[in-house]
Amino acid sequence: MSNNIDRLPAYSADLIDELNKFIPHRCIDVGTTMEEAHRYAGKRELIDFLVRLRARGDDNILKR
């Protein structure tokens, strides 16, 4: 994925952790519409991206 984001601001780590707890990975519940499932999956995709981005930044800090 090509984008202009190289690093997250330092205070974002706490926000990412809270989002990761608030919107966990889960299976689709019975009665969930496809629209709701897609919205939830989109939220998780964004959080997973932020977690990976943060991990990449943490790796760079450890290599200094």
PDB file of N, CA and C in Angstrom:
ATOM      1  N   MET A   1       0.855  -1.169   0.000  1.00  0.00           N
ATOM      2  CA  MET A   1       0.000   0.000   0.000  1.00  0.00           C
ATOM      3  C   MET A   1       0.898   1.228   0.000  1.00  0.00           C
ATOM      4  N   SER A   2       0.675   2.098  -0.932  1.00  0.00           N
ATOM      5  CA  SER A   2       1.498   3.297  -1.049  1.00  0.00           C
ATOM      6  C   SER A   2       0.741   4.485  -0.460  1.00  0.00           C
ATOM      7  N   ASN A   3       1.387   5.150   0.492  1.00  0.00           N
ATOM      8  CA  ASN A   3       0.766   6.337   1.078  1.00  0.00           C
ATOM      9  C   ASN A   3       1.841   7.242   1.638  1.00  0.00           C
ATOM     10  N   ASN A   4       1.450   8.387   2.119  1.00  0.00           N
ATOM     11  CA  ASN A   4       2.394   9.369   2.634  1.00  0.00           C
ATOM     12  C   ASN A   4       2.620   9.242   4.138  1.00  0.00           C
ATOM     13  N   ILE A   5       2.029   8.251   4.770  1.00  0.00           N
ATOM     14  CA  ILE A   5       2.177   8.097   6.215  1.00  0.00           C
ATOM     15  C   ILE A   5       3.440   7.291   6.486  1.00  0.00           C
ATOM     16  N   ASP A   6       4.432   7.918   7.079  1.00  0.00           N
ATOM     17  CA  ASP A   6       5.647   7.206   7.455  1.00  0.00           C
ATOM     18  C   ASP A   6       5.656   6.844   8.925  1.00  0.00           C
ATOM     19  N   ARG A   7       5.096   7.718   9.748  1.00  0.00           N
ATOM     20  CA  ARG A   7       5.090   7.504  11.186  1.00  0.00           C
ATOM     21  C   ARG A   7       3.788   8.018  11.776  1.00  0.00           C
ATOM     22  N   LEU A   8       3.445   7.487  12.917  1.00  0.00           N
ATOM     23  CA  LEU A   8       2.300   7.998  13.661  1.00  0.00           C
ATOM     24  C   LEU A   8       2.820   8.882  14.775  1.00  0.00           C
ATOM     25  N   PRO A   9       2.068   9.896  15.161  1.00  0.00           N
ATOM     26  CA  PRO A   9       2.472  10.684  16.322  1.00  0.00           C
ATOM     27  C   PRO A   9       2.582   9.782  17.546  1.00  0.00           C
ATOM     28  N   ALA A  10       3.443  10.112  18.472  1.00  0.00           N
ATOM     29  CA  ALA A  10       3.719   9.269  19.635  1.00  0.00           C
ATOM     30  C   ALA A  10       2.465   8.959  20.455  1.00  0.00           C
ATOM     31  N   TYR A  11       1.567   9.903  20.589  1.00  0.00           N
ATOM     32  CA  TYR A  11       0.370   9.700  21.418  1.00  0.00           C
ATOM     33  C   TYR A  11      -0.623   8.742  20.779  1.00  0.00           C
ATOM     34  N   SER A  12      -0.439   8.373  19.541  1.00  0.00           N
ATOM     35  CA  SER A  12      -1.382   7.491  18.853  1.00  0.00           C
ATOM     36  C   SER A  12      -1.343   6.063  19.371  1.00  0.00           C
ATOM     37  N   ALA A  13      -0.265   5.659  20.010  1.00  0.00           N
ATOM     38  CA  ALA A  13      -0.140   4.279  20.485  1.00  0.00           C
ATOM     39  C   ALA A  13      -1.282   3.928  21.434  1.00  0.00           C
ATOM     40  N   ASP A  14      -1.604   4.803  22.358  1.00  0.00           N
ATOM     41  CA  ASP A  14      -2.694   4.537  23.297  1.00  0.00           C
ATOM     42  C   ASP A  14      -4.035   4.434  22.578  1.00  0.00           C
ATOM     43  N   LEU A  15      -4.256   5.289  21.608  1.00  0.00           N
ATOM     44  CA  LEU A  15      -5.502   5.257  20.839  1.00  0.00           C
ATOM     45  C   LEU A  15      -5.623   3.948  20.073  1.00  0.00           C
ATOM     46  N   ILE A  16      -4.557   3.503  19.444  1.00  0.00           N
ATOM     47  CA  ILE A  16      -4.576   2.245  18.700  1.00  0.00           C
ATOM     48  C   ILE A  16      -4.875   1.088  19.630  1.00  0.00           C
ATOM     49  N   ASP A  17      -4.251   1.065  20.802  1.00  0.00           N
ATOM     50  CA  ASP A  17      -4.512   0.004  21.770  1.00  0.00           C
ATOM     51  C   ASP A  17      -5.979  -0.025  22.191  1.00  0.00           C
ATOM     52  N   GLU A  18      -6.547   1.143  22.445  1.00  0.00           N
ATOM     53  CA  GLU A  18      -7.960   1.211  22.858  1.00  0.00           C
ATOM     54  C   GLU A  18      -8.891   0.776  21.728  1.00  0.00           C
ATOM     55  N   LEU A  19      -8.610   1.206  20.507  1.00  0.00           N
ATOM     56  CA  LEU A  19      -9.430   0.784  19.368  1.00  0.00           C
ATOM     57  C   LEU A  19      -9.345  -0.726  19.172  1.00  0.00           C
ATOM     58  N   ASN A  20      -8.147  -1.265  19.345  1.00  0.00           N
ATOM     59  CA  ASN A  20      -7.939  -2.701  19.189  1.00  0.00           C
ATOM     60  C   ASN A  20      -8.753  -3.484  20.213  1.00  0.00           C
ATOM     61  N   LYS A  21      -8.895  -2.967  21.425  1.00  0.00           N
ATOM     62  CA  LYS A  21      -9.716  -3.611  22.459  1.00  0.00           C
ATOM     63  C   LYS A  21     -11.208  -3.409  22.197  1.00  0.00           C
ATOM     64  N   PHE A  22     -11.569  -2.200  21.750  1.00  0.00           N
ATOM     65  CA  PHE A  22     -12.979  -1.837  21.574  1.00  0.00           C
ATOM     66  C   PHE A  22     -13.608  -2.528  20.366  1.00  0.00           C
ATOM     67  N   ILE A  23     -12.825  -2.761  19.327  1.00  0.00           N
ATOM     68  CA  ILE A  23     -13.321  -3.384  18.099  1.00  0.00           C
ATOM     69  C   ILE A  23     -12.455  -4.608  17.809  1.00  0.00           C
ATOM     70  N   PRO A  24     -12.675  -5.704  18.537  1.00  0.00           N
ATOM     71  CA  PRO A  24     -11.833  -6.900  18.381  1.00  0.00           C
ATOM     72  C   PRO A  24     -12.187  -7.685  17.113  1.00  0.00           C
ATOM     73  N   HIS A  25     -11.297  -8.610  16.748  1.00  0.00           N
ATOM     74  CA  HIS A  25     -11.617  -9.546  15.671  1.00  0.00           C
ATOM     75  C   HIS A  25     -12.775 -10.402  16.149  1.00  0.00           C
ATOM     76  N   ARG A  26     -13.721 -10.681  15.271  1.00  0.00           N
ATOM     77  CA  ARG A  26     -14.843 -11.537  15.652  1.00  0.00           C
ATOM     78  C   ARG A  26     -15.483 -12.147  14.416  1.00  0.00           C
ATOM     79  N   CYS A  27     -16.242 -13.188  14.646  1.00  0.00           N
ATOM     80  CA  CYS A  27     -17.008 -13.817  13.574  1.00  0.00           C
ATOM     81  C   CYS A  27     -18.339 -13.085  13.446  1.00  0.00           C
ATOM     82  N   ILE A  28     -18.935 -13.198  12.300  1.00  0.00           N
ATOM     83  CA  ILE A  28     -20.232 -12.563  12.071  1.00  0.00           C
ATOM     84  C   ILE A  28     -21.296 -13.296  12.886  1.00  0.00           C
ATOM     85  N   ASP A  29     -22.097 -12.536  13.611  1.00  0.00           N
ATOM     86  CA  ASP A  29     -23.185 -13.106  14.407  1.00  0.00           C
ATOM     87  C   ASP A  29     -24.380 -13.434  13.523  1.00  0.00           C
ATOM     88  N   VAL A  30     -25.179 -14.385  13.980  1.00  0.00           N
ATOM     89  CA  VAL A  30     -26.434 -14.699  13.296  1.00  0.00           C
ATOM     90  C   VAL A  30     -27.303 -13.445  13.326  1.00  0.00           C
ATOM     91  N   GLY A  31     -27.885 -13.098  12.223  1.00  0.00           N
ATOM     92  CA  GLY A  31     -28.753 -11.934  12.157  1.00  0.00           C
ATOM     93  C   GLY A  31     -28.038 -10.662  11.728  1.00  0.00           C
ATOM     94  N   THR A  32     -26.715 -10.715  11.599  1.00  0.00           N
ATOM     95  CA  THR A  32     -25.962  -9.548  11.138  1.00  0.00           C
ATOM     96  C   THR A  32     -26.142  -9.418   9.635  1.00  0.00           C
ATOM     97  N   THR A  33     -26.465  -8.219   9.176  1.00  0.00           N
ATOM     98  CA  THR A  33     -26.627  -8.010   7.738  1.00  0.00           C
ATOM     99  C   THR A  33     -25.263  -7.933   7.081  1.00  0.00           C
ATOM    100  N   MET A  34     -25.237  -8.126   5.788  1.00  0.00           N
ATOM    101  CA  MET A  34     -23.976  -8.019   5.038  1.00  0.00           C
ATOM    102  C   MET A  34     -23.398  -6.614   5.156  1.00  0.00           C
ATOM    103  N   GLU A  35     -24.271  -5.619   5.166  1.00  0.00           N
ATOM    104  CA  GLU A  35     -23.811  -4.241   5.293  1.00  0.00           C
ATOM    105  C   GLU A  35     -23.110  -4.028   6.640  1.00  0.00           C
ATOM    106  N   GLU A  36     -23.709  -4.519   7.707  1.00  0.00           N
ATOM    107  CA  GLU A  36     -23.097  -4.397   9.033  1.00  0.00           C
ATOM    108  C   GLU A  36     -21.767  -5.153   9.098  1.00  0.00           C
ATOM    109  N   ALA A  37     -21.736  -6.343   8.509  1.00  0.00           N
ATOM    110  CA  ALA A  37     -20.509  -7.146   8.502  1.00  0.00           C
ATOM    111  C   ALA A  37     -19.402  -6.435   7.736  1.00  0.00           C
ATOM    112  N   HIS A  38     -19.726  -5.843   6.609  1.00  0.00           N
ATOM    113  CA  HIS A  38     -18.727  -5.122   5.818  1.00  0.00           C
ATOM    114  C   HIS A  38     -18.227  -3.876   6.547  1.00  0.00           C
ATOM    115  N   ARG A  39     -19.115  -3.177   7.204  1.00  0.00           N
ATOM    116  CA  ARG A  39     -18.691  -1.995   7.980  1.00  0.00           C
ATOM    117  C   ARG A  39     -17.732  -2.396   9.096  1.00  0.00           C
ATOM    118  N   TYR A  40     -18.080  -3.455   9.814  1.00  0.00           N
ATOM    119  CA  TYR A  40     -17.230  -3.912  10.904  1.00  0.00           C
ATOM    120  C   TYR A  40     -15.872  -4.372  10.362  1.00  0.00           C
ATOM    121  N   ALA A  41     -15.903  -5.093   9.263  1.00  0.00           N
ATOM    122  CA  ALA A  41     -14.658  -5.565   8.656  1.00  0.00           C
ATOM    123  C   ALA A  41     -13.787  -4.385   8.225  1.00  0.00           C
ATOM    124  N   GLY A  42     -14.403  -3.325   7.735  1.00  0.00           N
ATOM    125  CA  GLY A  42     -13.653  -2.129   7.354  1.00  0.00           C
ATOM    126  C   GLY A  42     -12.984  -1.472   8.553  1.00  0.00           C
ATOM    127  N   LYS A  43     -13.696  -1.435   9.665  1.00  0.00           N
ATOM    128  CA  LYS A  43     -13.111  -0.879  10.893  1.00  0.00           C
ATOM    129  C   LYS A  43     -11.905  -1.710  11.315  1.00  0.00           C
ATOM    130  N   ARG A  44     -12.064  -3.043  11.302  1.00  0.00           N
ATOM    131  CA  ARG A  44     -10.974  -3.919  11.718  1.00  0.00           C
ATOM    132  C   ARG A  44      -9.788  -3.798  10.769  1.00  0.00           C
ATOM    133  N   GLU A  45     -10.072  -3.656   9.485  1.00  0.00           N
ATOM    134  CA  GLU A  45      -8.988  -3.514   8.511  1.00  0.00           C
ATOM    135  C   GLU A  45      -8.156  -2.264   8.805  1.00  0.00           C
ATOM    136  N   LEU A  46      -8.819  -1.177   9.136  1.00  0.00           N
ATOM    137  CA  LEU A  46      -8.111   0.052   9.478  1.00  0.00           C
ATOM    138  C   LEU A  46      -7.289  -0.123  10.751  1.00  0.00           C
ATOM    139  N   ILE A  47      -7.874  -0.733  11.769  1.00  0.00           N
ATOM    140  CA  ILE A  47      -7.151  -0.949  13.021  1.00  0.00           C
ATOM    141  C   ILE A  47      -5.951  -1.858  12.791  1.00  0.00           C
ATOM    142  N   ASP A  48      -6.129  -2.924  12.017  1.00  0.00           N
ATOM    143  CA  ASP A  48      -5.002  -3.817  11.719  1.00  0.00           C
ATOM    144  C   ASP A  48      -3.887  -3.066  10.993  1.00  0.00           C
ATOM    145  N   PHE A  49      -4.245  -2.184  10.076  1.00  0.00           N
ATOM    146  CA  PHE A  49      -3.255  -1.364   9.372  1.00  0.00           C
ATOM    147  C   PHE A  49      -2.490  -0.484  10.360  1.00  0.00           C
ATOM    148  N   LEU A  50      -3.210   0.153  11.281  1.00  0.00           N
ATOM    149  CA  LEU A  50      -2.568   1.019  12.266  1.00  0.00           C
ATOM    150  C   LEU A  50      -1.649   0.229  13.194  1.00  0.00           C
ATOM    151  N   VAL A  51      -2.081  -0.971  13.568  1.00  0.00           N
ATOM    152  CA  VAL A  51      -1.246  -1.825  14.424  1.00  0.00           C
ATOM    153  C   VAL A  51       0.048  -2.188  13.689  1.00  0.00           C
ATOM    154  N   ARG A  52      -0.061  -2.556  12.413  1.00  0.00           N
ATOM    155  CA  ARG A  52       1.142  -2.887  11.627  1.00  0.00           C
ATOM    156  C   ARG A  52       2.040  -1.671  11.447  1.00  0.00           C
ATOM    157  N   LEU A  53       1.434  -0.522  11.207  1.00  0.00           N
ATOM    158  CA  LEU A  53       2.202   0.707  11.033  1.00  0.00           C
ATOM    159  C   LEU A  53       2.948   1.046  12.314  1.00  0.00           C
ATOM    160  N   ARG A  54       2.284   0.896  13.427  1.00  0.00           N
ATOM    161  CA  ARG A  54       2.918   1.158  14.726  1.00  0.00           C
ATOM    162  C   ARG A  54       4.051   0.176  14.989  1.00  0.00           C
ATOM    163  N   ALA A  55       3.831  -1.095  14.661  1.00  0.00           N
ATOM    164  CA  ALA A  55       4.871  -2.113  14.864  1.00  0.00           C
ATOM    165  C   ALA A  55       6.088  -1.805  13.992  1.00  0.00           C
ATOM    166  N   ARG A  56       5.860  -1.345  12.790  1.00  0.00           N
ATOM    167  CA  ARG A  56       6.968  -0.979  11.909  1.00  0.00           C
ATOM    168  C   ARG A  56       7.758   0.170  12.499  1.00  0.00           C
ATOM    169  N   GLY A  57       7.067   1.141  13.070  1.00  0.00           N
ATOM    170  CA  GLY A  57       7.740   2.257  13.712  1.00  0.00           C
ATOM    171  C   GLY A  57       8.498   1.822  14.938  1.00  0.00           C
ATOM    172  N   ASP A  58       7.916   0.898  15.725  1.00  0.00           N
ATOM    173  CA  ASP A  58       8.593   0.381  16.910  1.00  0.00           C
ATOM    174  C   ASP A  58       9.847  -0.378  16.511  1.00  0.00           C
ATOM    175  N   ASP A  59       9.768  -1.141  15.426  1.00  0.00           N
ATOM    176  CA  ASP A  59      10.943  -1.879  14.944  1.00  0.00           C
ATOM    177  C   ASP A  59      12.065  -0.911  14.575  1.00  0.00           C
ATOM    178  N   ASN A  60      11.694   0.187  13.922  1.00  0.00           N
ATOM    179  CA  ASN A  60      12.706   1.164  13.519  1.00  0.00           C
ATOM    180  C   ASN A  60      13.373   1.788  14.728  1.00  0.00           C
ATOM    181  N   ILE A  61      12.639   2.034  15.784  1.00  0.00           N
ATOM    182  CA  ILE A  61      13.196   2.617  16.987  1.00  0.00           C
ATOM    183  C   ILE A  61      14.183   1.641  17.638  1.00  0.00           C
ATOM    184  N   LEU A  62      13.827   0.337  17.633  1.00  0.00           N
ATOM    185  CA  LEU A  62      14.689  -0.656  18.253  1.00  0.00           C
ATOM    186  C   LEU A  62      15.991  -0.861  17.478  1.00  0.00           C
ATOM    187  N   LYS A  63      15.998  -0.564  16.196  1.00  0.00           N
ATOM    188  CA  LYS A  63      17.187  -0.761  15.373  1.00  0.00           C
ATOM    189  C   LYS A  63      18.151   0.410  15.455  1.00  0.00           C
ATOM    190  N   ARG A  64      17.778   1.497  16.112  1.00  0.00           N
ATOM    191  CA  ARG A  64      18.657   2.670  16.202  1.00  0.00           C
ATOM    192  C   ARG A  64      19.790   2.433  17.155  1.00  0.00           C
TER     193      ARG A  64
END
